[in-house]
C-alpha atoms as a PDB file:
ATOM      1  CA  MET A   1       0.000   0.000   0.000  1.00  0.00           C
ATOM      2  CA  LYS A   2       2.838   2.385   0.854  1.00  0.00           C
ATOM      3  CA  LYS A   3       4.511   1.740  -2.519  1.00  0.00           C
ATOM      4  CA  GLN A   4       1.235   2.459  -4.292  1.00  0.00           C
ATOM      5  CA  ARG A   5       0.894   5.810  -2.484  1.00  0.00           C
ATOM      6  CA  ILE A   6       4.452   6.802  -3.454  1.00  0.00           C
ATOM      7  CA  LEU A   7       3.766   5.848  -7.073  1.00  0.00           C
ATOM      8  CA  LEU A   8       0.530   7.858  -7.065  1.00  0.00           C
ATOM      9  CA  LEU A   9       2.368  10.878  -5.627  1.00  0.00           C
ATOM     10  CA  LEU A  10       5.024  10.697  -8.338  1.00  0.00           C
ATOM     11  CA  VAL A  11       2.343  10.533 -11.037  1.00  0.00           C
ATOM     12  CA  VAL A  12       0.592  13.600  -9.583  1.00  0.00           C
ATOM     13  CA  LEU A  13       3.879  15.524  -9.404  1.00  0.00           C
ATOM     14  CA  GLY A  14       4.637  14.571 -13.004  1.00  0.00           C
ATOM     15  CA  ILE A  15       1.298  15.943 -14.186  1.00  0.00           C
ATOM     16  CA  GLY A  16       1.941  19.133 -12.244  1.00  0.00           C
ATOM     17  CA  MET A  17       5.289  19.608 -13.957  1.00  0.00           C
ATOM     18  CA  LEU A  18       3.704  19.115 -17.374  1.00  0.00           C
ATOM     19  CA  LYS A  19       1.306  21.972 -16.664  1.00  0.00           C
ATOM     20  CA  LEU A  20       4.239  24.318 -16.068  1.00  0.00           C
ATOM     21  CA  ALA A  21       5.627  23.939 -19.605  1.00  0.00           C
ATOM     22  CA  ALA A  22       6.778  27.218 -21.172  1.00  0.00           C
ATOM     23  CA  GLN A  23       4.931  28.719 -24.125  1.00  0.00           C
ATOM     24  CA  GLU A  24       5.922  31.497 -26.510  1.00  0.00           C
ATOM     25  CA  SER A  25       3.416  34.059 -27.738  1.00  0.00           C
ATOM     26  CA  LEU A  26       4.021  36.702 -30.409  1.00  0.00           C
ATOM     27  CA  VAL A  27       3.872  40.138 -28.758  1.00  0.00           C
ATOM     28  CA  TYR A  28       5.289  42.402 -31.497  1.00  0.00           C
ATOM     29  CA  ARG A  29       5.487  42.321 -35.287  1.00  0.00           C
ATOM     30  CA  GLN A  30       6.739  45.066 -37.629  1.00  0.00           C
ATOM     31  CA  THR A  31       7.144  44.712 -41.404  1.00  0.00           C
ATOM     32  CA  PHE A  32       7.376  48.441 -42.297  1.00  0.00           C
ATOM     33  CA  ASP A  33       4.682  47.940 -44.938  1.00  0.00           C
ATOM     34  CA  THR A  34       2.064  49.858 -42.959  1.00  0.00           C
ATOM     35  CA  SER A  35       1.643  53.404 -41.698  1.00  0.00           C
ATOM     36  CA  LYS A  36       1.856  52.225 -38.094  1.00  0.00           C
ATOM     37  CA  VAL A  37       5.583  52.526 -37.415  1.00  0.00           C
ATOM     38  CA  TYR A  38       6.867  53.270 -33.928  1.00  0.00           C
ATOM     39  CA  TRP A  39      10.498  53.761 -34.930  1.00  0.00           C
ATOM     40  CA  PRO A  40      12.159  57.159 -35.618  1.00  0.00           C
ATOM     41  CA  VAL A  41      12.074  58.538 -39.165  1.00  0.00           C
ATOM     42  CA  ASP A  42      14.467  61.319 -40.280  1.00  0.00           C
ATOM     43  CA  ASP A  43      17.597  61.769 -42.418  1.00  0.00           C
ATOM     44  CA  ASN A  44      19.295  58.728 -40.839  1.00  0.00           C
ATOM     45  CA  PHE A  45      16.222  56.506 -40.428  1.00  0.00           C
ATOM     46  CA  SER A  46      14.143  55.933 -43.575  1.00  0.00           C
ATOM     47  CA  ILE A  47      11.394  53.593 -44.696  1.00  0.00           C
ATOM     48  CA  ILE A  48      12.149  52.557 -48.273  1.00  0.00           C
ATOM     49  CA  GLY A  49      10.336  49.803 -50.136  1.00  0.00           C
ATOM     50  CA  GLY A  50       8.932  48.240 -46.999  1.00  0.00           C
ATOM     51  CA  GLU A  51      12.299  48.165 -45.208  1.00  0.00           C
ATOM     52  CA  TYR A  52      13.708  50.286 -42.395  1.00  0.00           C
ATOM     53  CA  VAL A  53      17.002  51.715 -43.666  1.00  0.00           C
ATOM     54  CA  LEU A  54      19.645  53.115 -41.313  1.00  0.00           C
ATOM     55  CA  TYR A  55      22.616  55.140 -42.541  1.00  0.00           C
ATOM     56  CA  THR A  56      25.331  57.195 -40.894  1.00  0.00           C
ATOM     57  CA  GLU A  57      28.679  58.324 -42.274  1.00  0.00           C
ATOM     58  CA  ASN A  58      30.985  58.278 -39.287  1.00  0.00           C
ATOM     59  CA  GLN A  59      29.239  57.539 -36.005  1.00  0.00           C
ATOM     60  CA  GLU A  60      27.191  54.850 -34.323  1.00  0.00           C
ATOM     61  CA  LEU A  61      23.439  54.903 -34.828  1.00  0.00           C
ATOM     62  CA  TYR A  62      20.785  53.370 -32.576  1.00  0.00           C
ATOM     63  CA  ALA A  63      17.039  52.961 -32.840  1.00  0.00           C
ATOM     64  CA  TYR A  64      15.206  51.296 -30.006  1.00  0.00           C
ATOM     65  CA  LEU A  65      11.729  50.450 -28.798  1.00  0.00           C
ATOM     66  CA  ASP A  66      10.529  50.260 -25.217  1.00  0.00           C
ATOM     67  CA  LEU A  67       9.125  46.762 -25.398  1.00  0.00           C
ATOM     68  CA  PRO A  68      10.170  45.194 -22.112  1.00  0.00           C
ATOM     69  CA  SER A  69      10.126  41.429 -21.879  1.00  0.00           C
ATOM     70  CA  LYS A  70      11.913  39.080 -19.527  1.00  0.00           C
ATOM     71  CA  ASP A  71      12.289  35.793 -21.421  1.00  0.00           C
ATOM     72  CA  GLY A  72      11.621  35.223 -25.097  1.00  0.00           C
ATOM     73  CA  THR A  73      12.916  35.556 -28.656  1.00  0.00           C
ATOM     74  CA  PHE A  74      13.809  38.557 -30.825  1.00  0.00           C
ATOM     75  CA  GLN A  75      14.225  38.044 -34.576  1.00  0.00           C
ATOM     76  CA  LEU A  76      14.726  40.336 -37.560  1.00  0.00           C
ATOM     77  CA  GLY A  77      15.949  40.410 -41.139  1.00  0.00           C
ATOM     78  CA  THR A  78      19.057  42.434 -42.049  1.00  0.00           C
ATOM     79  CA  ARG A  79      20.311  43.386 -45.489  1.00  0.00           C
ATOM     80  CA  PHE A  80      23.669  45.046 -46.163  1.00  0.00           C
ATOM     81  CA  ILE A  81      23.099  47.696 -48.844  1.00  0.00           C
ATOM     82  CA  SER A  82      26.367  49.598 -49.181  1.00  0.00           C
ATOM     83  CA  GLY A  83      29.391  50.979 -47.346  1.00  0.00           C
ATOM     84  CA  LYS A  84      32.230  49.433 -45.394  1.00  0.00           C
ATOM     85  CA  ASP A  85      32.000  45.653 -45.325  1.00  0.00           C
ATOM     86  CA  THR A  86      33.904  45.750 -42.027  1.00  0.00           C
ATOM     87  CA  ALA A  87      31.288  47.916 -40.264  1.00  0.00           C
ATOM     88  CA  GLY A  88      29.066  46.109 -37.783  1.00  0.00           C
ATOM     89  CA  TYR A  89      25.283  46.140 -37.608  1.00  0.00           C
ATOM     90  CA  GLY A  90      22.634  44.142 -35.840  1.00  0.00           C
ATOM     91  CA  LEU A  91      20.318  44.043 -32.866  1.00  0.00           C
ATOM     92  CA  LEU A  92      20.142  45.012 -29.210  1.00  0.00           C
ATOM     93  CA  PHE A  93      18.035  43.214 -26.614  1.00  0.00           C
ATOM     94  CA  ARG A  94      17.143  43.424 -22.919  1.00  0.00           C
ATOM     95  CA  LEU A  95      17.921  47.088 -23.464  1.00  0.00           C
ATOM     96  CA  GLN A  96      17.738  49.342 -20.393  1.00  0.00           C
ATOM     97  CA  ASP A  97      18.788  52.593 -22.111  1.00  0.00           C
ATOM     98  CA  PRO A  98      21.279  53.580 -24.881  1.00  0.00           C
ATOM     99  CA  TYR A  99      24.193  52.603 -22.614  1.00  0.00           C
ATOM    100  CA  ASN A 100      23.083  49.268 -21.134  1.00  0.00           C
ATOM    101  CA  PHE A 101      22.080  46.272 -23.252  1.00  0.00           C
ATOM    102  CA  TYR A 102      23.079  42.982 -24.859  1.00  0.00           C
ATOM    103  CA  PHE A 103      24.113  43.059 -28.532  1.00  0.00           C
ATOM    104  CA  PHE A 104      24.470  40.768 -31.531  1.00  0.00           C
ATOM    105  CA  PHE A 105      26.280  42.201 -34.570  1.00  0.00           C
ATOM    106  CA  VAL A 106      27.453  40.945 -37.958  1.00  0.00           C
ATOM    107  CA  VAL A 107      29.569  42.366 -40.767  1.00  0.00           C
ATOM    108  CA  ALA A 108      29.153  41.790 -44.496  1.00  0.00           C
ATOM    109  CA  GLN A 109      32.460  39.893 -44.634  1.00  0.00           C
ATOM    110  CA  GLY A 110      30.822  37.067 -42.674  1.00  0.00           C
ATOM    111  CA  TYR A 111      31.775  37.654 -39.041  1.00  0.00           C
ATOM    112  CA  PHE A 112      29.591  37.983 -35.936  1.00  0.00           C
ATOM    113  CA  LEU A 113      30.058  39.405 -32.441  1.00  0.00           C
ATOM    114  CA  ALA A 114      28.009  38.992 -29.249  1.00  0.00           C
ATOM    115  CA  GLY A 115      28.362  40.875 -25.987  1.00  0.00           C
ATOM    116  CA  LYS A 116      26.999  43.530 -23.673  1.00  0.00           C
ATOM    117  CA  ALA A 117      27.367  47.211 -22.833  1.00  0.00           C
ATOM    118  CA  VAL A 118      27.233  48.267 -19.182  1.00  0.00           C
ATOM    119  CA  ASP A 119      27.404  52.016 -18.527  1.00  0.00           C
ATOM    120  CA  ARG A 120      28.834  52.494 -22.049  1.00  0.00           C
ATOM    121  CA  GLN A 121      31.600  49.954 -21.395  1.00  0.00           C
ATOM    122  CA  GLY A 122      31.453  47.155 -23.968  1.00  0.00           C
ATOM    123  CA  THR A 123      32.317  43.544 -23.128  1.00  0.00           C
ATOM    124  CA  ASN A 124      32.544  40.924 -25.861  1.00  0.00           C
ATOM    125  CA  PHE A 125      31.345  37.429 -25.031  1.00  0.00           C
ATOM    126  CA  CYS A 126      33.345  36.161 -28.009  1.00  0.00           C
ATOM    127  CA  PRO A 127      35.773  37.688 -30.508  1.00  0.00           C
ATOM    128  CA  TRP A 128      34.646  38.533 -34.043  1.00  0.00           C
ATOM    129  CA  THR A 129      34.045  35.028 -35.389  1.00  0.00           C
ATOM    130  CA  TYR A 130      33.709  33.935 -39.010  1.00  0.00           C
ATOM    131  CA  THR A 131      30.797  31.763 -40.098  1.00  0.00           C
ATOM    132  CA  SER A 132      29.786  30.604 -43.558  1.00  0.00           C
ATOM    133  CA  VAL A 133      26.157  30.865 -42.413  1.00  0.00           C
ATOM    134  CA  ILE A 134      26.181  34.617 -43.177  1.00  0.00           C
ATOM    135  CA  LYS A 135      25.179  35.278 -46.796  1.00  0.00           C
ATOM    136  CA  GLU A 136      26.669  38.182 -48.705  1.00  0.00           C
ATOM    137  CA  GLN A 137      24.508  40.841 -50.386  1.00  0.00           C
ATOM    138  CA  VAL A 138      21.214  39.202 -49.372  1.00  0.00           C
ATOM    139  CA  GLU A 139      19.024  39.222 -46.265  1.00  0.00           C
ATOM    140  CA  ASN A 140      20.294  37.450 -43.177  1.00  0.00           C
ATOM    141  CA  THR A 141      18.013  36.624 -40.267  1.00  0.00           C
ATOM    142  CA  LEU A 142      19.407  37.378 -36.814  1.00  0.00           C
ATOM    143  CA  LYS A 143      17.735  35.806 -33.803  1.00  0.00           C
ATOM    144  CA  VAL A 144      18.400  35.776 -30.085  1.00  0.00           C
ATOM    145  CA  THR A 145      16.639  33.730 -27.450  1.00  0.00           C
ATOM    146  CA  TYR A 146      16.936  34.640 -23.786  1.00  0.00           C
ATOM    147  CA  GLU A 147      15.799  32.487 -20.892  1.00  0.00           C
ATOM    148  CA  GLY A 148      17.071  33.581 -17.505  1.00  0.00           C
ATOM    149  CA  GLU A 149      20.844  33.805 -17.800  1.00  0.00           C
ATOM    150  CA  LYS A 150      21.014  31.675 -20.960  1.00  0.00           C
ATOM    151  CA  LEU A 151      21.484  33.698 -24.161  1.00  0.00           C
ATOM    152  CA  THR A 152      21.489  31.948 -27.545  1.00  0.00           C
ATOM    153  CA  PHE A 153      22.509  33.617 -30.803  1.00  0.00           C
ATOM    154  CA  LEU A 154      21.355  32.361 -34.223  1.00  0.00           C
ATOM    155  CA  ILE A 155      21.956  33.413 -37.834  1.00  0.00           C
ATOM    156  CA  ASN A 156      19.603  32.109 -40.517  1.00  0.00           C
ATOM    157  CA  ASN A 157      18.141  29.697 -37.941  1.00  0.00           C
ATOM    158  CA  THR A 158      21.548  28.193 -37.175  1.00  0.00           C
ATOM    159  CA  GLU A 159      22.910  28.549 -33.640  1.00  0.00           C
ATOM    160  CA  VAL A 160      26.345  30.165 -33.778  1.00  0.00           C
ATOM    161  CA  PHE A 161      26.967  30.966 -30.102  1.00  0.00           C
ATOM    162  CA  SER A 162      25.516  30.746 -26.590  1.00  0.00           C
ATOM    163  CA  HIS A 163      26.473  32.377 -23.316  1.00  0.00           C
ATOM    164  CA  GLN A 164      25.411  32.725 -19.684  1.00  0.00           C
ATOM    165  CA  ASP A 165      25.092  36.226 -18.219  1.00  0.00           C
ATOM    166  CA  SER A 166      22.985  37.838 -15.493  1.00  0.00           C
ATOM    167  CA  SER A 167      23.561  41.562 -16.093  1.00  0.00           C
ATOM    168  CA  PHE A 168      20.080  42.296 -17.465  1.00  0.00           C
ATOM    169  CA  GLU A 169      16.941  40.313 -16.637  1.00  0.00           C
ATOM    170  CA  SER A 170      14.600  42.133 -19.039  1.00  0.00           C
ATOM    171  CA  GLY A 171      14.404  45.156 -21.319  1.00  0.00           C
ATOM    172  CA  GLY A 172      13.547  46.564 -24.720  1.00  0.00           C
ATOM    173  CA  ILE A 173      14.796  45.884 -28.244  1.00  0.00           C
ATOM    174  CA  GLY A 174      16.917  47.927 -30.628  1.00  0.00           C
ATOM    175  CA  LEU A 175      18.714  48.201 -33.963  1.00  0.00           C
ATOM    176  CA  TYR A 176      22.313  49.310 -34.425  1.00  0.00           C
ATOM    177  CA  ILE A 177      24.814  50.228 -37.133  1.00  0.00           C
ATOM    178  CA  GLN A 178      28.386  51.499 -37.065  1.00  0.00           C
ATOM    179  CA  GLY A 179      29.428  54.498 -39.146  1.00  0.00           C
ATOM    180  CA  GLY A 180      29.955  54.159 -42.881  1.00  0.00           C
ATOM    181  CA  VAL A 181      27.334  51.549 -43.648  1.00  0.00           C
ATOM    182  CA  ARG A 182      23.789  51.513 -45.006  1.00  0.00           C
ATOM    183  CA  VAL A 183      21.655  48.602 -43.768  1.00  0.00           C
ATOM    184  CA  ALA A 184      17.992  47.635 -44.147  1.00  0.00           C
ATOM    185  CA  PHE A 185      16.021  45.951 -41.359  1.00  0.00           C
ATOM    186  CA  ASP A 186      12.690  44.191 -41.767  1.00  0.00           C
ATOM    187  CA  ASN A 187      10.329  41.544 -40.394  1.00  0.00           C
ATOM    188  CA  ILE A 188      10.901  42.325 -36.718  1.00  0.00           C
ATOM    189  CA  LEU A 189       9.309  39.693 -34.487  1.00  0.00           C
ATOM    190  CA  VAL A 190       9.296  39.397 -30.701  1.00  0.00           C
ATOM    191  CA  TRP A 191       7.950  36.427 -28.774  1.00  0.00           C
ATOM    192  CA  GLU A 192       7.521  36.374 -25.015  1.00  0.00           C
ATOM    193  CA  THR A 193       7.894  33.196 -22.996  1.00  0.00           C
ATOM    194  CA  THR A 194       5.276  32.548 -20.339  1.00  0.00           C
ATOM    195  CA  GLU A 195       4.628  29.658 -18.005  1.00  0.00           C
ATOM    196  CA  ASP A 196       1.517  27.699 -18.909  1.00  0.00           C
ATOM    197  CA  THR A 197      -0.220  27.108 -15.580  1.00  0.00           C
END
């Protein structure tokens, strides 16, 4: 009888754990094909042909959205248009303000970089790393997933790097380019992870 009670308890606990499975729900989508755009538009930020084009000659350029989420996925399409093929561009996530965030950048030559900025001080989680996954002169999809301290970085749905860090638990999203490059961004998607109770 005692063994049966223990077995029954384990079965009940197992069912309870199944109910706590995580689910992702889409919380933000932007294709730049509509008039509803919540990103800046001026000489450096343009909407051209359904893409969000950033350009600056000699300084860094940020665009960010206050869309705080704790755990989830941030994905977007990037397309190198012109300029220095050694200039970085990409995405920011768990962004607190323009000086505190995680980043994931690529360059047209086929390299990527992941890291964080804390009070303007940048820290690279890895050096610039070459990958054949990056395609030249066409759109590349950048994606990051963040669950607690685990950060995973993907290019064209292929994982290229992962890292553990606890600096930022949640925050907004952003776009970034270095000086001397013109880059188009499109198909921005953000999913939020929630516990299914």
